[in-house]
Amino acid sequence: MQIEVWVDLVCPWCYIGTGRLQQALAGLEDGEDVEVRYRSFQLDPSAPSDGQVSVAEHLGAAYGGGGAEAGRQMAARTEAIAAQEGITFDHADAPWTNSRDGHRLLHLALDEGGPDLQARLGRELFAAYFERARNLADPAVLREAAAAAGLDAARVEEVLAGQEYDDRVARDVEEAAALGATGVPFFVLDRRYAVSGAQPVEVFAEALELARTGQGS
């Protein structure tokens, strides 16, 4: 079974949703062959890279009708849900930032080490942003996450220095739209079943069973 997961690395629900998927996968029988691949999505491609505006400030201005305190309250609600999943979020003071370079490194990881390496990098990037409030547009932060995941440092430097994998990121975004995704996380199982959003573990388990047995196809 192949599972494609469209994520944005600065989307809290993507971190929560991929964690819930992993919980559902842990309930499969031993020997079940499942491959999970991250695909790219950008909720805000115009987000800056300078890290001057915090998530709390951005949320407050864009959705809360107020300043940083309104945004901080919004972030706190997400943090409470993450805590139920065993994840300690501390991202209100993280920079509202562009995730494109992180996505390019996810494609590098897939090419260099397959889905396992890509998944390790994805976890490192999510943790850097949501647990440690790091700027994912900062090359130093990206290098640190890539090293922790096990990527080749020289290749990471090559990718960050140029535009490699930009086309792959763009294609992923276009394909998500073609599949009907209007937001993320968006999960596609064997190109037959789709699950939208950070659904409960039970919903993912049901979708996995449908994909495994082929029911409804």
Protein backbone atom coordinates (compact mmCIF):
# COMPACT_ATOMS: atom_id res chain seq x y z
CA MET A 1 0.00 0.00 0.00
CA GLN A 2 1.27 3.47 -0.86
CA ILE A 3 0.14 6.46 1.17
CA GLU A 4 0.85 9.95 -0.12
CA VAL A 5 0.54 12.74 2.42
CA TRP A 6 0.35 16.33 1.28
CA VAL A 7 1.67 18.52 4.09
CA ASP A 8 2.91 21.99 4.81
CA LEU A 9 5.78 21.99 7.27
CA VAL A 10 4.37 25.05 9.05
CA CYS A 11 0.87 23.57 9.42
CA PRO A 12 0.22 22.32 12.98
CA TRP A 13 -2.53 19.98 11.84
CA CYS A 14 -0.07 18.29 9.48
CA TYR A 15 2.21 17.43 12.40
CA ILE A 16 -0.76 16.18 14.43
CA GLY A 17 -2.32 14.35 11.48
CA THR A 18 0.83 12.52 10.42
CA GLY A 19 1.27 11.42 14.03
CA ARG A 20 -2.25 10.02 14.11
CA LEU A 21 -1.63 8.19 10.83
CA GLN A 22 1.45 6.57 12.37
CA GLN A 23 -0.64 5.43 15.33
CA ALA A 24 -3.10 3.81 12.93
CA LEU A 25 -0.27 2.16 10.99
CA ALA A 26 1.10 0.72 14.22
CA GLY A 27 -2.14 -1.24 14.53
CA LEU A 28 -1.65 -3.09 11.24
CA GLU A 29 -0.59 -6.70 11.27
CA ASP A 30 3.12 -7.43 11.13
CA GLY A 31 4.35 -7.83 7.59
CA GLU A 32 1.87 -5.37 6.08
CA ASP A 33 3.79 -3.53 3.35
CA VAL A 34 3.06 0.20 3.60
CA GLU A 35 5.04 3.03 2.05
CA VAL A 36 4.36 6.61 3.19
CA ARG A 37 5.57 9.52 1.07
CA TYR A 38 5.37 13.20 1.93
CA ARG A 39 4.16 15.49 -0.84
CA SER A 40 4.52 19.28 -0.83
CA PHE A 41 1.87 21.91 -0.20
CA GLN A 42 2.20 25.57 0.77
CA LEU A 43 -0.68 27.21 2.56
CA ASP A 44 0.95 30.60 2.06
CA PRO A 45 3.62 30.65 -0.67
CA SER A 46 4.02 34.40 -0.12
CA ALA A 47 5.07 34.02 3.52
CA PRO A 48 8.36 35.82 4.22
CA SER A 49 11.65 34.20 5.12
CA ASP A 50 13.05 36.86 7.43
CA GLY A 51 11.37 35.60 10.60
CA GLN A 52 10.34 39.09 11.72
CA VAL A 53 6.67 38.29 12.39
CA SER A 54 5.67 35.60 14.88
CA VAL A 55 2.92 33.03 14.41
CA ALA A 56 0.97 34.72 17.20
CA GLU A 57 1.23 38.12 15.52
CA HIS A 58 0.26 36.72 12.13
CA LEU A 59 -2.70 34.73 13.45
CA GLY A 60 -3.94 37.66 15.50
CA ALA A 61 -3.83 40.03 12.55
CA ALA A 62 -5.18 37.61 9.95
CA TYR A 63 -7.86 35.72 11.86
CA GLY A 64 -8.22 36.91 15.43
CA GLY A 65 -9.16 40.50 14.77
CA GLY A 66 -6.47 41.62 17.17
CA GLY A 67 -2.81 41.49 18.01
CA ALA A 68 -0.40 38.89 19.25
CA GLU A 69 -2.46 38.01 22.31
CA ALA A 70 -5.42 36.96 20.16
CA GLY A 71 -3.08 34.86 18.03
CA ARG A 72 -1.51 33.35 21.12
CA GLN A 73 -4.93 32.20 22.31
CA MET A 74 -5.55 30.56 18.94
CA ALA A 75 -2.17 28.81 19.10
CA ALA A 76 -2.90 27.63 22.65
CA ARG A 77 -5.97 25.73 21.47
CA THR A 78 -3.88 23.85 18.92
CA GLU A 79 -1.17 23.22 21.50
CA ALA A 80 -3.74 21.61 23.81
CA ILE A 81 -4.80 19.20 21.09
CA ALA A 82 -1.17 18.38 20.28
CA ALA A 83 -0.56 17.65 23.96
CA GLN A 84 -3.28 14.99 23.83
CA GLU A 85 -1.19 13.31 21.13
CA GLY A 86 1.94 13.45 23.26
CA ILE A 87 3.49 16.37 21.36
CA THR A 88 4.65 19.47 23.21
CA PHE A 89 3.94 22.44 20.97
CA ASP A 90 5.61 25.79 21.67
CA HIS A 91 5.06 27.57 18.40
CA ALA A 92 3.26 30.82 19.20
CA ASP A 93 6.60 32.63 19.08
CA ALA A 94 7.83 30.71 16.04
CA PRO A 95 8.27 32.90 12.97
CA TRP A 96 5.53 33.01 10.35
CA THR A 97 7.78 31.79 7.59
CA ASN A 98 8.12 30.32 4.14
CA SER A 99 8.43 26.54 3.99
CA ARG A 100 9.60 26.06 0.41
CA ASP A 101 13.24 25.20 1.16
CA GLY A 102 12.14 22.61 3.70
CA HIS A 103 9.93 21.02 1.05
CA ARG A 104 12.83 20.95 -1.39
CA LEU A 105 14.89 19.06 1.19
CA LEU A 106 12.05 16.55 1.65
CA HIS A 107 12.31 15.76 -2.06
CA LEU A 108 16.08 15.41 -1.74
CA ALA A 109 15.61 13.01 1.17
CA LEU A 110 13.19 10.89 -0.85
CA ASP A 111 15.64 10.66 -3.74
CA GLU A 112 18.66 9.97 -1.55
CA GLY A 113 17.21 7.55 1.00
CA GLY A 114 13.62 6.73 0.14
CA PRO A 115 10.50 7.16 2.29
CA ASP A 116 12.24 6.26 5.57
CA LEU A 117 14.82 9.03 5.26
CA GLN A 118 12.15 11.44 4.10
CA ALA A 119 10.00 10.60 7.12
CA ARG A 120 12.94 11.17 9.49
CA LEU A 121 13.57 14.57 7.96
CA GLY A 122 9.88 15.43 8.13
CA ARG A 123 9.81 14.68 11.85
CA GLU A 124 12.96 16.76 12.43
CA LEU A 125 11.52 19.73 10.55
CA PHE A 126 8.15 19.54 12.28
CA ALA A 127 9.84 19.30 15.68
CA ALA A 128 12.17 22.21 14.94
CA TYR A 129 9.27 24.47 14.07
CA PHE A 130 6.52 23.42 16.44
CA GLU A 131 8.48 22.24 19.47
CA ARG A 132 11.46 24.60 19.36
CA ALA A 133 10.04 27.63 17.47
CA ARG A 134 12.88 27.63 14.92
CA ASN A 135 12.74 29.42 11.57
CA LEU A 136 12.36 26.85 8.78
CA ALA A 137 13.53 29.41 6.23
CA ASP A 138 16.89 29.70 8.01
CA PRO A 139 19.50 27.59 6.19
CA ALA A 140 21.26 26.85 9.49
CA VAL A 141 18.07 25.35 10.93
CA LEU A 142 17.52 23.31 7.77
CA ARG A 143 21.11 22.04 7.84
CA GLU A 144 20.73 21.03 11.48
CA ALA A 145 17.51 19.11 10.81
CA ALA A 146 18.99 17.46 7.72
CA ALA A 147 22.07 16.35 9.65
CA ALA A 148 19.94 14.91 12.45
CA ALA A 149 17.93 12.97 9.89
CA GLY A 150 21.06 11.62 8.21
CA LEU A 151 21.19 13.50 4.89
CA ASP A 152 24.48 14.03 3.11
CA ALA A 153 25.71 17.51 4.08
CA ALA A 154 27.22 18.26 0.67
CA ARG A 155 23.97 17.52 -1.15
CA VAL A 156 22.03 19.61 1.33
CA GLU A 157 24.34 22.54 0.61
CA GLU A 158 23.89 22.10 -3.14
CA VAL A 159 20.12 22.12 -2.86
CA LEU A 160 19.97 25.11 -0.52
CA ALA A 161 22.35 27.09 -2.73
CA GLY A 162 20.15 26.77 -5.82
CA GLN A 163 16.65 26.03 -7.04
CA GLU A 164 16.85 22.25 -7.24
CA TYR A 165 13.50 20.51 -6.60
CA ASP A 166 11.54 23.75 -7.04
CA ASP A 167 9.76 22.10 -9.95
CA ARG A 168 8.86 19.07 -7.84
CA VAL A 169 7.35 21.26 -5.14
CA ALA A 170 5.29 23.11 -7.75
CA ARG A 171 4.07 19.86 -9.32
CA ASP A 172 3.01 18.52 -5.93
CA VAL A 173 0.95 21.65 -5.27
CA GLU A 174 -0.67 21.41 -8.69
CA GLU A 175 -1.45 17.73 -8.22
CA ALA A 176 -3.04 18.37 -4.85
CA ALA A 177 -5.40 20.85 -6.50
CA ALA A 178 -6.19 18.34 -9.26
CA LEU A 179 -7.10 15.75 -6.62
CA GLY A 180 -9.46 18.19 -4.95
CA ALA A 181 -7.36 19.15 -1.94
CA THR A 182 -8.12 22.64 -0.66
CA GLY A 183 -6.03 22.29 2.48
CA VAL A 184 -3.70 19.99 4.34
CA PRO A 185 -3.01 17.44 5.63
CA PHE A 186 -4.43 15.46 2.72
CA PHE A 187 -3.89 11.69 2.61
CA VAL A 188 -4.28 9.54 -0.52
CA LEU A 189 -4.20 5.76 -0.15
CA ASP A 190 -3.28 3.76 -3.25
CA ARG A 191 -4.79 6.54 -5.38
CA ARG A 192 -8.25 5.19 -4.49
CA TYR A 193 -9.13 6.63 -1.10
CA ALA A 194 -8.62 10.10 0.33
CA VAL A 195 -8.71 11.36 3.88
CA SER A 196 -8.75 15.10 4.44
CA GLY A 197 -7.61 16.71 7.67
CA ALA A 198 -6.09 15.52 10.94
CA GLN A 199 -8.77 12.90 11.52
CA PRO A 200 -8.96 10.70 14.63
CA VAL A 201 -6.84 7.55 14.63
CA GLU A 202 -9.99 5.44 14.18
CA VAL A 203 -10.80 7.17 10.88
CA PHE A 204 -7.31 6.43 9.56
CA ALA A 205 -7.64 2.81 10.69
CA GLU A 206 -10.90 2.46 8.76
CA ALA A 207 -9.35 4.00 5.65
CA LEU A 208 -6.36 1.67 5.90
CA GLU A 209 -8.68 -1.32 6.13
CA LEU A 210 -10.61 -0.17 3.06
CA ALA A 211 -7.38 0.24 1.10
CA ARG A 212 -6.02 -3.08 2.32
CA THR A 213 -9.13 -5.09 1.40
CA GLY A 214 -10.07 -3.11 -1.69
CA GLN A 215 -13.64 -2.62 -0.51
CA GLY A 216 -15.54 0.07 -2.29
CA SER A 217 -13.18 0.08 -5.27
